[in-house]
Amino acid sequence: MTHDAHSGAEPHRHTSAPVIAGIDIGGTKISAVLTDESGSVLARGVVPAPAAEGGPAMADAAAGLVLRLCGVIGAPLAGAGVGAAGVIDQERGVVVAASATFTDWSGFPLAEELEGRLGAPVWVENDVNAFLLGELRWGAARGESDVLGIMLGTGVGGAIALGGAVHHGVHGAAGEIGHTPGFSELVCTCGQTGHLETLASGTSITRRYRAATGSDASAPEIADRARDGEAAALAVFEDAARATALAASITASLLDLGMVVVGGGVREAWDLLEPGILETLRTDAPVSGFPLRIVPAEISADAVARGAAALASARLADSVPATV
């Protein structure tokens, strides 16, 4: 199907049955999928994220995209799940904390605002948690129970699944591996020093390459130069790979995890990351001695939205009274 730039919709098939929406709210774009009860994607679309305009504008954009998609396939909306950047209070559907990329995002009652616009129940989850939910149900982590998810994008995010369910922790912030210290002497985007994000994010790759060469090349351009054998380009990916593998090994040692799934934009350079990851696992494996698998995400592009839809589907099923 061809993308409809005007509606942001990519329809797959018409249906009159209620559908479930999964929404991925990021700093630069908002994407959404509509799924049936089995999780099959019926439609998908994307619009720019008005992150600088505040929470209400973000809710308007997300709700508008979902309603257009529902209109395109002629389906009513049963409910929606959201994967949103930031620390999320899952019970209230409120954004507790977020980066400076988002204006008036911290404290925004996202679930309530979207419910008012969509006329359907909405559940909100951290975007990396939703990514891991998607990979657990349909992607690289199918059949696994204890998994670390890492998203290498503009920043670095993490999520943990224990016993097949996402582990939120005391404050809903479990898995925030990107801001763990001890990886470098560089200043992180959060203002602290040495976090994993200073080596493994797309932003850090471009910054470190610029510092070494003076070039303003983008991360994909740097990846192409690394594939051509350029030493400076290879070095920034080697550093990213080693840091990612070390963080994975530390987490696996603490929680006895068997698998790590890596997604995000930097995952597109897996051919450059994998050699350094494997080498690091040879020298710095989890102390248990059990093998740790670090694998690329399978549904990376849709994982957040599809994971959010899976969350909504589960919550809708929980809300239906049992019949005798």
Protein backbone atom coordinates (compact mmCIF):
# COMPACT_ATOMS: atom_id res chain seq x y z
CA MET A 1 0.00 0.00 0.00
CA THR A 2 1.18 3.50 -0.67
CA HIS A 3 1.48 6.06 2.08
CA ASP A 4 -1.12 8.84 2.11
CA ALA A 5 0.86 11.93 3.04
CA HIS A 6 -2.28 14.00 3.59
CA SER A 7 -4.04 11.77 6.10
CA GLY A 8 -0.96 10.06 7.48
CA ALA A 9 -2.77 6.79 6.88
CA GLU A 10 -1.65 3.58 5.27
CA PRO A 11 -4.83 1.45 5.09
CA HIS A 12 -4.68 -2.33 4.92
CA ARG A 13 -8.29 -3.46 4.93
CA HIS A 14 -11.75 -2.25 5.88
CA THR A 15 -13.58 -3.67 8.87
CA SER A 16 -16.70 -2.81 10.85
CA ALA A 17 -15.46 -4.59 14.00
CA PRO A 18 -14.03 -2.47 16.83
CA VAL A 19 -10.29 -1.97 16.57
CA ILE A 20 -7.49 -1.27 19.03
CA ALA A 21 -5.05 1.58 18.51
CA GLY A 22 -1.39 1.56 19.44
CA ILE A 23 0.30 4.96 19.53
CA ASP A 24 4.02 5.73 19.64
CA ILE A 25 4.66 9.30 20.83
CA GLY A 26 8.23 10.47 20.31
CA GLY A 27 10.02 13.76 20.13
CA THR A 28 9.98 14.08 16.34
CA LYS A 29 7.06 11.93 15.17
CA ILE A 30 3.89 10.25 16.32
CA SER A 31 3.04 6.92 14.72
CA ALA A 32 0.01 4.71 15.19
CA VAL A 33 -1.33 1.33 14.21
CA LEU A 34 -4.82 -0.10 14.31
CA THR A 35 -5.04 -3.79 15.14
CA ASP A 36 -7.72 -6.42 15.48
CA GLU A 37 -8.09 -8.63 18.56
CA SER A 38 -5.39 -11.00 17.27
CA GLY A 39 -2.87 -8.17 16.92
CA SER A 40 -2.89 -8.10 13.10
CA VAL A 41 -2.17 -4.59 11.81
CA LEU A 42 -5.09 -3.19 9.82
CA ALA A 43 -3.71 0.31 9.24
CA ARG A 44 -0.77 2.46 10.19
CA GLY A 45 0.20 6.11 9.88
CA VAL A 46 2.60 8.78 11.06
CA VAL A 47 2.52 12.55 11.65
CA PRO A 48 5.11 15.06 12.91
CA ALA A 49 5.21 15.49 16.69
CA PRO A 50 4.59 19.09 17.84
CA ALA A 51 6.76 18.50 20.91
CA ALA A 52 7.64 22.18 21.27
CA GLU A 53 3.97 23.20 21.38
CA GLY A 54 3.06 21.41 24.59
CA GLY A 55 1.02 18.45 25.79
CA PRO A 56 -2.38 19.46 24.37
CA ALA A 57 -0.90 19.85 20.89
CA MET A 58 0.71 16.41 21.15
CA ALA A 59 -2.61 14.89 22.26
CA ASP A 60 -4.40 16.64 19.38
CA ALA A 61 -1.92 15.24 16.86
CA ALA A 62 -2.07 11.70 18.26
CA ALA A 63 -5.85 11.60 18.51
CA GLY A 64 -6.28 13.15 15.09
CA LEU A 65 -4.09 10.47 13.51
CA VAL A 66 -5.98 7.63 15.19
CA LEU A 67 -9.39 9.04 14.27
CA ARG A 68 -8.31 9.48 10.63
CA LEU A 69 -7.09 5.90 10.52
CA CYS A 70 -10.39 4.67 11.98
CA GLY A 71 -12.23 6.69 9.36
CA VAL A 72 -10.16 5.28 6.53
CA ILE A 73 -10.98 1.66 7.39
CA GLY A 74 -14.49 2.40 8.67
CA ALA A 75 -13.99 0.94 12.16
CA PRO A 76 -15.03 2.08 15.64
CA LEU A 77 -12.32 2.36 18.30
CA ALA A 78 -12.49 -0.01 21.29
CA GLY A 79 -9.51 1.44 23.14
CA ALA A 80 -5.95 2.66 22.76
CA GLY A 81 -2.54 2.04 24.24
CA VAL A 82 0.24 4.61 24.16
CA GLY A 83 3.99 4.27 24.34
CA ALA A 84 5.26 7.72 25.37
CA ALA A 85 8.71 9.10 26.00
CA GLY A 86 9.51 9.84 29.63
CA VAL A 87 8.83 8.37 33.04
CA ILE A 88 5.17 7.35 33.17
CA ASP A 89 2.76 6.81 36.05
CA GLN A 90 1.06 3.81 34.49
CA GLU A 91 -1.88 3.77 36.90
CA ARG A 92 -2.89 7.38 36.25
CA GLY A 93 -1.62 7.68 32.68
CA VAL A 94 0.42 10.75 33.58
CA VAL A 95 3.85 11.75 32.29
CA VAL A 96 5.92 12.13 35.47
CA ALA A 97 9.20 13.31 33.93
CA ALA A 98 10.57 13.89 30.45
CA SER A 99 13.53 15.43 28.65
CA ALA A 100 13.76 19.08 27.68
CA THR A 101 12.83 18.07 24.11
CA PHE A 102 9.19 18.14 25.22
CA THR A 103 7.50 21.39 26.27
CA ASP A 104 5.05 21.10 29.19
CA TRP A 105 5.16 17.29 28.98
CA SER A 106 6.08 16.53 32.61
CA GLY A 107 2.88 16.31 34.62
CA PHE A 108 0.66 16.07 31.54
CA PRO A 109 -2.39 13.77 32.08
CA LEU A 110 -1.99 12.01 28.75
CA ALA A 111 -4.51 9.20 29.25
CA GLU A 112 -7.27 11.56 30.36
CA GLU A 113 -6.59 14.02 27.54
CA LEU A 114 -6.61 11.30 24.88
CA GLU A 115 -9.73 9.64 26.28
CA GLY A 116 -11.56 12.94 25.93
CA ARG A 117 -10.48 13.25 22.31
CA LEU A 118 -10.97 9.61 21.29
CA GLY A 119 -14.08 8.70 23.26
CA ALA A 120 -12.47 5.40 24.29
CA PRO A 121 -10.35 4.13 27.20
CA VAL A 122 -6.61 4.80 26.97
CA TRP A 123 -3.66 3.24 28.80
CA VAL A 124 -0.19 4.80 28.80
CA GLU A 125 3.18 3.10 29.12
CA ASN A 126 6.78 4.25 28.73
CA ASP A 127 7.79 3.92 25.09
CA VAL A 128 10.66 1.49 25.71
CA ASN A 129 8.43 -0.69 27.89
CA ALA A 130 5.95 -0.74 25.02
CA PHE A 131 8.75 -1.61 22.60
CA LEU A 132 9.67 -4.60 24.76
CA LEU A 133 6.01 -5.67 24.98
CA GLY A 134 5.87 -5.68 21.18
CA GLU A 135 9.03 -7.76 20.86
CA LEU A 136 7.82 -10.19 23.54
CA ARG A 137 4.54 -10.79 21.74
CA TRP A 138 5.51 -10.64 18.06
CA GLY A 139 9.23 -10.07 17.73
CA ALA A 140 12.67 -11.36 18.67
CA ALA A 141 11.70 -12.16 22.29
CA ARG A 142 8.73 -14.41 21.49
CA GLY A 143 8.62 -17.26 24.00
CA GLU A 144 11.09 -15.59 26.38
CA SER A 145 10.26 -14.57 29.94
CA ASP A 146 13.21 -12.57 31.34
CA VAL A 147 14.50 -10.03 28.84
CA LEU A 148 16.25 -6.67 28.72
CA GLY A 149 15.14 -4.30 25.97
CA ILE A 150 17.45 -1.49 24.87
CA MET A 151 16.52 1.23 22.41
CA LEU A 152 19.46 3.05 20.82
CA GLY A 153 17.97 6.17 19.29
CA THR A 154 18.34 9.90 19.90
CA GLY A 155 18.96 8.78 23.46
CA VAL A 156 19.23 5.34 25.07
CA GLY A 157 16.26 3.75 26.80
CA GLY A 158 15.78 0.44 28.53
CA ALA A 159 13.06 -1.88 29.77
CA ILE A 160 13.03 -5.12 31.74
CA ALA A 161 10.65 -8.06 31.52
CA LEU A 162 10.57 -10.58 34.37
CA GLY A 163 8.34 -13.61 34.23
CA GLY A 164 6.99 -12.46 30.88
CA ALA A 165 5.71 -9.11 32.22
CA VAL A 166 7.29 -5.67 32.13
CA HIS A 167 8.85 -4.81 35.49
CA HIS A 168 8.12 -1.20 36.46
CA GLY A 169 9.95 -0.86 39.77
CA VAL A 170 9.00 1.28 42.76
CA HIS A 171 8.71 4.53 40.80
CA GLY A 172 7.82 3.20 37.35
CA ALA A 173 11.34 3.86 36.07
CA ALA A 174 12.88 0.38 36.03
CA GLY A 175 15.18 -0.31 33.11
CA GLU A 176 16.43 3.24 32.51
CA ILE A 177 19.79 1.90 31.48
CA GLY A 178 20.75 4.87 29.31
CA HIS A 179 21.51 7.00 32.34
CA THR A 180 23.65 4.56 34.24
CA PRO A 181 27.15 5.96 34.94
CA GLY A 182 30.68 4.71 34.45
CA PHE A 183 30.99 4.40 30.68
CA SER A 184 32.97 7.50 29.68
CA GLU A 185 34.20 10.91 30.75
CA LEU A 186 31.73 12.70 28.48
CA VAL A 187 28.87 14.91 29.62
CA CYS A 188 25.44 13.39 29.02
CA THR A 189 22.41 15.24 27.66
CA CYS A 190 20.97 15.10 31.20
CA GLY A 191 23.95 17.11 32.50
CA GLN A 192 25.65 14.29 34.38
CA THR A 193 28.85 12.57 33.29
CA GLY A 194 29.70 9.22 31.78
CA HIS A 195 26.28 7.71 31.17
CA LEU A 196 25.79 4.89 28.65
CA GLU A 197 23.97 7.38 26.44
CA THR A 198 27.24 9.32 25.92
CA LEU A 199 28.58 6.41 23.84
CA ALA A 200 25.64 4.39 22.49
CA SER A 201 23.01 6.86 21.28
CA GLY A 202 22.68 8.18 17.76
CA THR A 203 23.30 11.65 19.16
CA SER A 204 26.56 10.58 20.79
CA ILE A 205 27.72 8.81 17.64
CA THR A 206 27.38 12.03 15.61
CA ARG A 207 28.92 14.20 18.36
CA ARG A 208 31.94 11.96 18.90
CA TYR A 209 32.51 11.61 15.17
CA ARG A 210 32.31 15.40 14.79
CA ALA A 211 34.83 15.84 17.60
CA ALA A 212 37.22 13.42 15.89
CA THR A 213 36.84 14.61 12.29
CA GLY A 214 35.06 17.98 12.24
CA SER A 215 32.38 16.47 10.00
CA ASP A 216 28.67 17.09 10.54
CA ALA A 217 27.72 13.74 9.00
CA SER A 218 24.52 12.07 10.19
CA ALA A 219 24.56 8.71 11.97
CA PRO A 220 23.52 6.81 8.79
CA GLU A 221 26.27 8.61 6.85
CA ILE A 222 28.80 7.72 9.54
CA ALA A 223 27.64 4.11 9.34
CA ASP A 224 28.24 4.10 5.57
CA ARG A 225 31.74 5.49 6.13
CA ALA A 226 32.40 2.79 8.72
CA ARG A 227 31.33 0.13 6.21
CA ASP A 228 33.86 1.67 3.80
CA GLY A 229 36.53 1.13 6.43
CA GLU A 230 37.05 4.68 7.70
CA ALA A 231 38.85 4.39 11.04
CA ALA A 232 37.11 7.28 12.84
CA ALA A 233 33.69 6.02 11.85
CA LEU A 234 34.50 2.47 12.88
CA ALA A 235 35.77 3.69 16.25
CA VAL A 236 32.52 5.40 17.29
CA PHE A 237 30.50 2.27 16.47
CA GLU A 238 33.00 0.04 18.26
CA ASP A 239 32.67 2.23 21.37
CA ALA A 240 28.87 2.10 21.12
CA ALA A 241 28.89 -1.68 20.73
CA ARG A 242 31.21 -2.29 23.68
CA ALA A 243 29.28 0.05 25.98
CA THR A 244 25.96 -1.55 25.02
CA ALA A 245 27.29 -5.06 25.61
CA LEU A 246 28.82 -4.10 28.97
CA ALA A 247 25.54 -2.57 30.13
CA ALA A 248 23.71 -5.70 28.98
CA SER A 249 26.18 -7.98 30.76
CA ILE A 250 25.89 -6.02 34.02
CA THR A 251 22.09 -6.17 33.92
CA ALA A 252 22.10 -9.86 33.03
CA SER A 253 24.44 -10.59 35.93
CA LEU A 254 22.16 -8.77 38.36
CA LEU A 255 18.88 -10.28 37.16
CA ASP A 256 19.97 -13.55 35.51
CA LEU A 257 18.54 -12.60 32.14
CA GLY A 258 19.08 -14.75 29.06
CA MET A 259 18.30 -12.33 26.26
CA VAL A 260 18.74 -8.68 25.31
CA VAL A 261 16.79 -7.16 22.40
CA VAL A 262 18.22 -4.03 20.79
CA GLY A 263 16.00 -1.64 18.84
CA GLY A 264 15.95 2.03 17.85
CA GLY A 265 17.48 3.82 14.92
CA VAL A 266 21.08 2.78 15.69
CA ARG A 267 19.95 -0.86 15.45
CA GLU A 268 19.91 -0.30 11.66
CA ALA A 269 23.71 -0.47 11.86
CA TRP A 270 23.62 -3.92 13.47
CA ASP A 271 26.29 -5.16 11.06
CA LEU A 272 28.64 -2.62 12.67
CA LEU A 273 27.51 -3.21 16.25
CA GLU A 274 27.44 -7.00 16.31
CA PRO A 275 31.21 -7.67 16.05
CA GLY A 276 31.98 -5.42 19.03
CA ILE A 277 29.07 -6.85 21.02
CA LEU A 278 30.23 -10.42 20.45
CA GLU A 279 33.83 -9.55 21.29
CA THR A 280 32.75 -7.87 24.53
CA LEU A 281 30.67 -10.89 25.52
CA ARG A 282 33.76 -13.04 25.03
CA THR A 283 35.78 -10.92 27.47
CA ASP A 284 33.08 -9.59 29.83
CA ALA A 285 30.31 -12.17 29.93
CA PRO A 286 27.85 -12.39 32.86
CA VAL A 287 29.49 -13.98 35.87
CA SER A 288 26.94 -16.83 35.90
CA GLY A 289 28.69 -18.37 32.91
CA PHE A 290 25.39 -18.92 31.15
CA PRO A 291 25.30 -17.58 27.60
CA LEU A 292 23.71 -14.16 27.02
CA ARG A 293 22.10 -13.54 23.65
CA ILE A 294 22.06 -9.96 22.40
CA VAL A 295 19.90 -9.77 19.29
CA PRO A 296 18.42 -7.09 17.03
CA ALA A 297 14.73 -6.28 17.33
CA GLU A 298 12.54 -7.90 14.68
CA ILE A 299 9.67 -5.41 14.55
CA SER A 300 11.67 -2.37 15.57
CA ALA A 301 9.81 0.13 13.40
CA ASP A 302 6.38 -0.83 14.78
CA ALA A 303 7.36 -2.35 18.13
CA VAL A 304 6.34 0.58 20.35
CA ALA A 305 2.95 1.07 18.69
CA ARG A 306 2.21 -2.65 18.48
CA GLY A 307 3.30 -3.18 22.07
CA ALA A 308 1.02 -0.34 23.15
CA ALA A 309 -1.84 -1.97 21.24
CA ALA A 310 -1.07 -5.27 23.02
CA LEU A 311 -1.25 -3.44 26.35
CA ALA A 312 -4.66 -1.98 25.47
CA SER A 313 -5.90 -5.35 24.24
CA ALA A 314 -4.92 -7.00 27.54
CA ARG A 315 -6.50 -4.25 29.62
CA LEU A 316 -9.73 -4.41 27.60
CA ALA A 317 -9.84 -8.17 28.07
CA ASP A 318 -9.33 -7.72 31.83
CA SER A 319 -12.24 -5.27 31.95
CA VAL A 320 -14.74 -7.68 30.36
CA PRO A 321 -16.75 -9.54 33.06
CA ALA A 322 -16.29 -13.30 32.96
CA THR A 323 -19.31 -15.28 31.79
CA VAL A 324 -20.45 -18.55 33.34
